[in-house]
Amino acid sequence: MRLLDLPPSALTQLTRDALLEGIRLSEGRLVVAETVVVAPPLVDGVSNAELAAAFGADILLLNCYDCEDPTILGLPGEPGRGQTCRDLKTLVGRPVGVNLEPSDLVPPGRRATPENALRAVEQGADFICLTGNPRTMVTNAGILESLRRIKEAVGDRAAVIAGRMHAAGAGLSAGGGLITPEEAEAFVDAGADVLLVPAPGTVPGSTVGEVRACVQAAQRKGALAMSAIGTSQEGADEGTIRQLALNAKMAGVDLHHLGDAGYFGVSVPENILAYCLAVKGRRHTYRRMAFSARR
């Protein structure tokens, strides 16, 4: 069944295969909202992840989540210490995943290691996203190496996303982009269930055509693709957001990601709503917003 239609009680019980098939059947109409779990909540009394869900996000991605010392600010506890992916899923009724980074410049609990991936899965993560934050010097080669080891460790217990949203301080590929079609194929061959690419119009040179070529390379091998707005344009005006959304649709992606730098820690909530309306319309957007977590 397509994820687009599933109620919260079903979204929190998905196996890896059901999650991926539900995404595939939703035909490019799902929005992933990323939040920084250690950033102070934009609105007091509620976590940024809950806020993103309330504005229509279908899937939540947690950035700066420490698998050795999990914390989600805004959740119960002082100050959210010990709160895990599973705790958040109970509150919002959405699939939840975490970023891990193949870099020694981040704390040990955030590094892309098999041990951290297994910890995240034990803590309720539905998927692992291998990518890099700014200034972490993450490269495609580093992602590829960690991807092989993590895929072997987690197997079918969680989906794995791999790619870059921006250069992460390491620079662009020789052709001027972040990911080439050949690198996209290599990610899938190494075990990526979902290829992560910058949304057209975000990273310099990320045209619809170039992103489309990478998306097709991954999809031909049976993987899915997710576009990402990781360049603080999640804090742009709504007209820009709608243009980015439609460009990503034209590139053929299965998932649409909005980053966590609208202000700091979460996309501008109204931009999550604008993006949702652009790719899935009012009916699906309002239903997702209105669903009780107890449904």
Protein backbone atom coordinates (compact mmCIF):
# COMPACT_ATOMS: atom_id res chain seq x y z
CA MET A 1 0.00 0.00 0.00
CA ARG A 2 1.27 3.50 -0.74
CA LEU A 3 2.73 5.35 2.21
CA LEU A 4 0.81 8.44 1.15
CA ASP A 5 -2.42 6.87 2.45
CA LEU A 6 -1.23 5.06 5.57
CA PRO A 7 -2.42 6.18 9.03
CA PRO A 8 0.11 6.78 11.84
CA SER A 9 -0.40 3.36 13.45
CA ALA A 10 0.73 1.72 10.22
CA LEU A 11 3.57 4.17 9.53
CA THR A 12 5.26 3.29 12.80
CA GLN A 13 5.19 -0.46 12.15
CA LEU A 14 6.68 -0.63 8.66
CA THR A 15 9.35 -3.14 7.77
CA ARG A 16 12.17 -2.01 5.51
CA ASP A 17 10.56 -3.64 2.47
CA ALA A 18 7.13 -2.19 3.23
CA LEU A 19 8.63 1.27 3.74
CA LEU A 20 10.44 1.19 0.40
CA GLU A 21 7.45 -0.20 -1.47
CA GLY A 22 5.15 2.36 0.16
CA ILE A 23 7.47 5.12 -1.02
CA ARG A 24 7.64 3.71 -4.53
CA LEU A 25 3.85 3.47 -4.82
CA SER A 26 3.40 7.08 -3.67
CA GLU A 27 4.79 8.32 -6.99
CA GLY A 28 6.96 11.20 -5.85
CA ARG A 29 4.52 12.79 -3.41
CA LEU A 30 6.27 12.31 -0.06
CA VAL A 31 8.06 15.01 1.91
CA VAL A 32 10.94 14.35 4.30
CA ALA A 33 11.66 17.05 6.90
CA GLU A 34 15.06 17.17 8.59
CA THR A 35 15.54 18.68 12.04
CA VAL A 36 18.54 19.24 14.32
CA VAL A 37 17.75 17.35 17.50
CA VAL A 38 20.07 19.46 19.67
CA ALA A 39 18.72 22.82 18.45
CA PRO A 40 16.34 24.68 20.76
CA PRO A 41 12.75 24.22 19.57
CA LEU A 42 11.46 26.96 17.29
CA VAL A 43 8.23 26.96 19.32
CA ASP A 44 8.39 26.35 23.07
CA GLY A 45 6.84 23.19 24.41
CA VAL A 46 7.15 21.13 21.21
CA SER A 47 10.10 19.58 19.38
CA ASN A 48 11.08 20.75 15.93
CA ALA A 49 10.34 17.28 14.56
CA GLU A 50 6.77 17.44 15.90
CA LEU A 51 6.39 20.89 14.37
CA ALA A 52 7.56 19.62 10.97
CA ALA A 53 5.11 16.73 11.16
CA ALA A 54 2.27 19.11 12.00
CA PHE A 55 2.94 21.07 8.81
CA GLY A 56 2.58 18.00 6.57
CA ALA A 57 5.89 16.12 6.52
CA ASP A 58 5.43 12.40 5.85
CA ILE A 59 8.85 11.25 7.09
CA LEU A 60 11.27 12.72 9.63
CA LEU A 61 15.07 12.77 9.44
CA LEU A 62 17.07 13.58 12.57
CA ASN A 63 20.34 15.47 12.24
CA CYS A 64 23.05 15.55 14.94
CA TYR A 65 21.43 12.54 16.62
CA ASP A 66 24.05 10.89 18.82
CA CYS A 67 23.53 7.14 18.86
CA GLU A 68 25.67 6.79 21.98
CA ASP A 69 23.85 9.53 23.89
CA PRO A 70 20.45 10.10 22.23
CA THR A 71 18.82 13.47 22.87
CA ILE A 72 15.87 15.18 21.19
CA LEU A 73 15.28 18.65 22.57
CA GLY A 74 11.62 19.50 23.03
CA LEU A 75 10.61 15.97 24.00
CA PRO A 76 9.84 15.06 27.62
CA GLY A 77 12.78 14.94 29.97
CA GLU A 78 15.40 17.48 30.96
CA PRO A 79 16.42 18.46 28.38
CA GLY A 80 15.25 15.60 26.16
CA ARG A 81 18.10 13.33 27.27
CA GLY A 82 17.53 9.66 26.56
CA GLN A 83 14.77 10.33 24.04
CA THR A 84 15.12 8.11 20.98
CA CYS A 85 13.70 7.64 17.51
CA ARG A 86 11.14 5.25 18.96
CA ASP A 87 9.92 7.85 21.45
CA LEU A 88 9.47 10.39 18.67
CA LYS A 89 7.67 7.89 16.43
CA THR A 90 5.15 7.25 19.21
CA LEU A 91 4.35 10.95 19.39
CA VAL A 92 4.14 11.81 15.69
CA GLY A 93 3.20 8.58 13.94
CA ARG A 94 5.81 8.94 11.19
CA PRO A 95 8.78 6.89 9.99
CA VAL A 96 11.96 8.32 11.53
CA GLY A 97 15.58 8.06 10.42
CA VAL A 98 18.97 9.46 11.41
CA ASN A 99 21.96 11.00 9.66
CA LEU A 100 25.33 9.33 10.10
CA GLU A 101 28.49 10.88 8.70
CA PRO A 102 31.72 9.21 7.48
CA SER A 103 33.92 11.82 9.13
CA ASP A 104 36.28 11.97 12.09
CA LEU A 105 35.27 15.62 12.56
CA VAL A 106 31.96 14.71 14.20
CA PRO A 107 31.39 13.16 17.65
CA PRO A 108 31.83 9.36 17.80
CA GLY A 109 28.10 8.74 18.25
CA ARG A 110 27.32 10.46 14.95
CA ARG A 111 29.89 8.70 12.79
CA ALA A 112 28.89 6.34 9.99
CA THR A 113 29.98 3.10 11.62
CA PRO A 114 28.22 -0.26 11.70
CA GLU A 115 28.03 0.02 15.49
CA ASN A 116 26.17 3.35 15.37
CA ALA A 117 23.88 2.12 12.62
CA LEU A 118 22.91 -0.89 14.74
CA ARG A 119 22.38 1.36 17.77
CA ALA A 120 20.08 3.58 15.73
CA VAL A 121 18.05 0.61 14.54
CA GLU A 122 17.75 -0.69 18.12
CA GLN A 123 16.53 2.79 19.12
CA GLY A 124 13.74 2.65 16.53
CA ALA A 125 15.25 4.18 13.38
CA ASP A 126 13.51 3.06 10.20
CA PHE A 127 16.35 4.23 7.96
CA ILE A 128 19.94 5.43 8.03
CA CYS A 129 21.03 8.38 5.89
CA LEU A 130 24.74 8.55 5.04
CA THR A 131 25.67 12.12 4.20
CA GLY A 132 27.68 15.06 5.52
CA ASN A 133 26.99 18.29 7.36
CA PRO A 134 28.88 21.47 6.42
CA ARG A 135 32.65 21.45 7.06
CA THR A 136 32.76 17.71 7.80
CA MET A 137 34.82 17.02 4.65
CA VAL A 138 32.61 14.08 3.70
CA THR A 139 33.31 12.71 0.21
CA ASN A 140 31.52 10.31 -2.09
CA ALA A 141 34.37 7.83 -1.62
CA GLY A 142 33.95 8.01 2.15
CA ILE A 143 30.21 7.47 1.87
CA LEU A 144 30.76 4.47 -0.42
CA GLU A 145 33.18 2.84 2.00
CA SER A 146 30.92 3.29 5.03
CA LEU A 147 27.86 2.26 3.03
CA ARG A 148 29.26 -1.20 2.32
CA ARG A 149 30.03 -1.86 5.98
CA ILE A 150 26.76 -0.48 7.29
CA LYS A 151 24.65 -2.35 4.77
CA GLU A 152 26.32 -5.58 5.76
CA ALA A 153 25.64 -4.84 9.43
CA VAL A 154 21.99 -3.78 9.28
CA GLY A 155 20.88 -6.03 6.42
CA ASP A 156 17.12 -5.82 6.00
CA ARG A 157 16.46 -4.26 9.39
CA ALA A 158 16.47 -0.70 8.03
CA ALA A 159 16.60 1.14 4.72
CA VAL A 160 19.80 2.96 3.79
CA ILE A 161 20.00 6.33 2.01
CA ALA A 162 23.33 7.56 0.65
CA GLY A 163 24.54 10.75 -1.02
CA ARG A 164 25.34 14.41 -0.40
CA MET A 165 23.08 17.46 -0.10
CA HIS A 166 25.97 19.89 -0.60
CA ALA A 167 29.76 19.72 -0.83
CA ALA A 168 30.22 19.34 2.97
CA GLY A 169 33.48 21.27 2.63
CA ALA A 170 35.07 18.64 0.40
CA GLY A 171 34.30 20.30 -2.94
CA LEU A 172 32.45 19.22 -6.05
CA SER A 173 33.19 16.30 -8.38
CA ALA A 174 35.40 16.76 -11.43
CA GLY A 175 32.43 17.50 -13.66
CA GLY A 176 31.28 20.30 -11.36
CA GLY A 177 28.50 18.42 -9.61
CA LEU A 178 28.16 16.47 -6.39
CA ILE A 179 27.26 13.07 -7.80
CA THR A 180 27.68 11.59 -11.27
CA PRO A 181 25.47 8.85 -12.75
CA GLU A 182 28.40 6.47 -12.40
CA GLU A 183 28.72 7.28 -8.70
CA ALA A 184 24.97 6.86 -8.33
CA GLU A 185 25.25 3.33 -9.72
CA ALA A 186 28.16 2.59 -7.40
CA PHE A 187 26.11 3.66 -4.37
CA VAL A 188 23.28 1.33 -5.37
CA ASP A 189 25.68 -1.54 -6.04
CA ALA A 190 27.13 -1.01 -2.55
CA GLY A 191 23.69 -1.34 -0.96
CA ALA A 192 21.94 2.03 -1.05
CA ASP A 193 18.18 1.63 -1.14
CA VAL A 194 17.75 5.34 -1.84
CA LEU A 195 20.13 7.68 -3.68
CA LEU A 196 20.40 11.17 -2.17
CA VAL A 197 20.97 14.01 -4.67
CA PRO A 198 20.82 17.81 -4.36
CA ALA A 199 17.55 19.23 -5.60
CA PRO A 200 17.82 21.02 -8.97
CA GLY A 201 18.50 24.67 -8.29
CA THR A 202 20.30 24.20 -4.97
CA VAL A 203 23.95 23.22 -5.46
CA PRO A 204 25.68 25.10 -8.33
CA GLY A 205 25.23 23.18 -11.56
CA SER A 206 22.40 21.01 -10.26
CA THR A 207 20.14 21.33 -13.28
CA VAL A 208 17.03 19.25 -13.79
CA GLY A 209 18.81 17.34 -16.55
CA GLU A 210 21.89 16.51 -14.50
CA VAL A 211 19.91 15.44 -11.46
CA ARG A 212 17.54 13.47 -13.67
CA ALA A 213 20.47 11.49 -15.09
CA CYS A 214 21.59 10.45 -11.60
CA VAL A 215 18.04 9.59 -10.56
CA GLN A 216 17.53 7.43 -13.64
CA ALA A 217 20.84 5.65 -13.04
CA ALA A 218 19.72 4.67 -9.54
CA GLN A 219 16.17 3.78 -10.52
CA ARG A 220 17.33 1.57 -13.38
CA LYS A 221 19.10 -0.54 -10.77
CA GLY A 222 15.95 -0.79 -8.65
CA ALA A 223 16.72 1.90 -6.08
CA LEU A 224 14.73 5.00 -5.17
CA ALA A 225 15.93 8.60 -5.21
CA MET A 226 15.52 11.54 -2.84
CA SER A 227 16.21 15.18 -3.70
CA ALA A 228 17.52 17.39 -0.91
CA ILE A 229 17.38 21.08 -0.11
CA GLY A 230 20.41 21.32 2.13
CA THR A 231 21.60 24.79 1.19
CA SER A 232 19.50 26.89 3.59
CA GLN A 233 17.03 27.52 0.77
CA GLU A 234 14.50 25.83 3.03
CA GLY A 235 14.43 29.32 4.51
CA ALA A 236 13.71 31.04 1.17
CA ASP A 237 10.39 32.55 0.07
CA GLU A 238 7.48 30.27 -0.77
CA GLY A 239 7.73 31.00 -4.50
CA THR A 240 11.26 29.63 -4.53
CA ILE A 241 10.14 26.59 -2.54
CA ARG A 242 7.41 25.79 -5.06
CA GLN A 243 9.86 26.12 -7.96
CA LEU A 244 12.34 23.78 -6.27
CA ALA A 245 9.53 21.31 -5.59
CA LEU A 246 8.37 21.16 -9.19
CA ASN A 247 11.94 20.94 -10.49
CA ALA A 248 12.51 17.93 -8.23
CA LYS A 249 9.31 16.35 -9.53
CA MET A 250 10.55 16.84 -13.08
CA ALA A 251 13.82 15.17 -12.12
CA GLY A 252 11.76 12.10 -11.14
CA VAL A 253 12.61 11.73 -7.46
CA ASP A 254 10.60 9.51 -5.15
CA LEU A 255 11.19 11.59 -2.00
CA HIS A 256 11.53 15.32 -1.38
CA HIS A 257 13.76 16.47 1.48
CA LEU A 258 13.76 19.87 3.16
CA GLY A 259 16.73 20.70 5.37
CA ASP A 260 17.01 22.03 8.89
CA ALA A 261 18.29 25.56 8.28
CA GLY A 262 15.14 27.57 7.77
CA TYR A 263 16.23 29.56 10.79
CA PHE A 264 18.21 26.96 12.71
CA GLY A 265 17.09 23.46 13.50
CA VAL A 266 14.09 23.16 11.21
CA SER A 267 12.79 24.40 7.88
CA VAL A 268 10.48 27.39 7.94
CA PRO A 269 7.23 25.57 8.81
CA GLU A 270 5.22 27.45 6.18
CA ASN A 271 7.74 26.23 3.58
CA ILE A 272 7.12 22.62 4.55
CA LEU A 273 3.43 23.27 3.96
CA ALA A 274 4.10 25.07 0.65
CA TYR A 275 6.28 22.19 -0.55
CA CYS A 276 3.68 19.61 0.46
CA LEU A 277 0.94 21.49 -1.37
CA ALA A 278 3.10 21.68 -4.51
CA VAL A 279 3.89 17.97 -4.71
CA LYS A 280 0.80 16.31 -3.24
CA GLY A 281 -1.99 18.90 -3.15
CA ARG A 282 -4.41 19.89 -0.40
CA ARG A 283 -6.20 16.57 0.04
CA HIS A 284 -3.14 14.51 0.93
CA THR A 285 -1.44 17.38 2.77
CA TYR A 286 -4.36 18.22 5.02
CA ARG A 287 -5.08 14.57 5.78
CA ARG A 288 -1.47 14.02 6.87
CA MET A 289 -1.62 17.15 9.02
CA ALA A 290 -4.93 16.16 10.61
CA PHE A 291 -4.27 12.47 11.31
CA SER A 292 -4.16 11.75 15.03
CA ALA A 293 -1.12 9.74 16.14
CA ARG A 294 -3.63 7.31 17.68
CA ARG A 295 -5.23 6.44 14.33
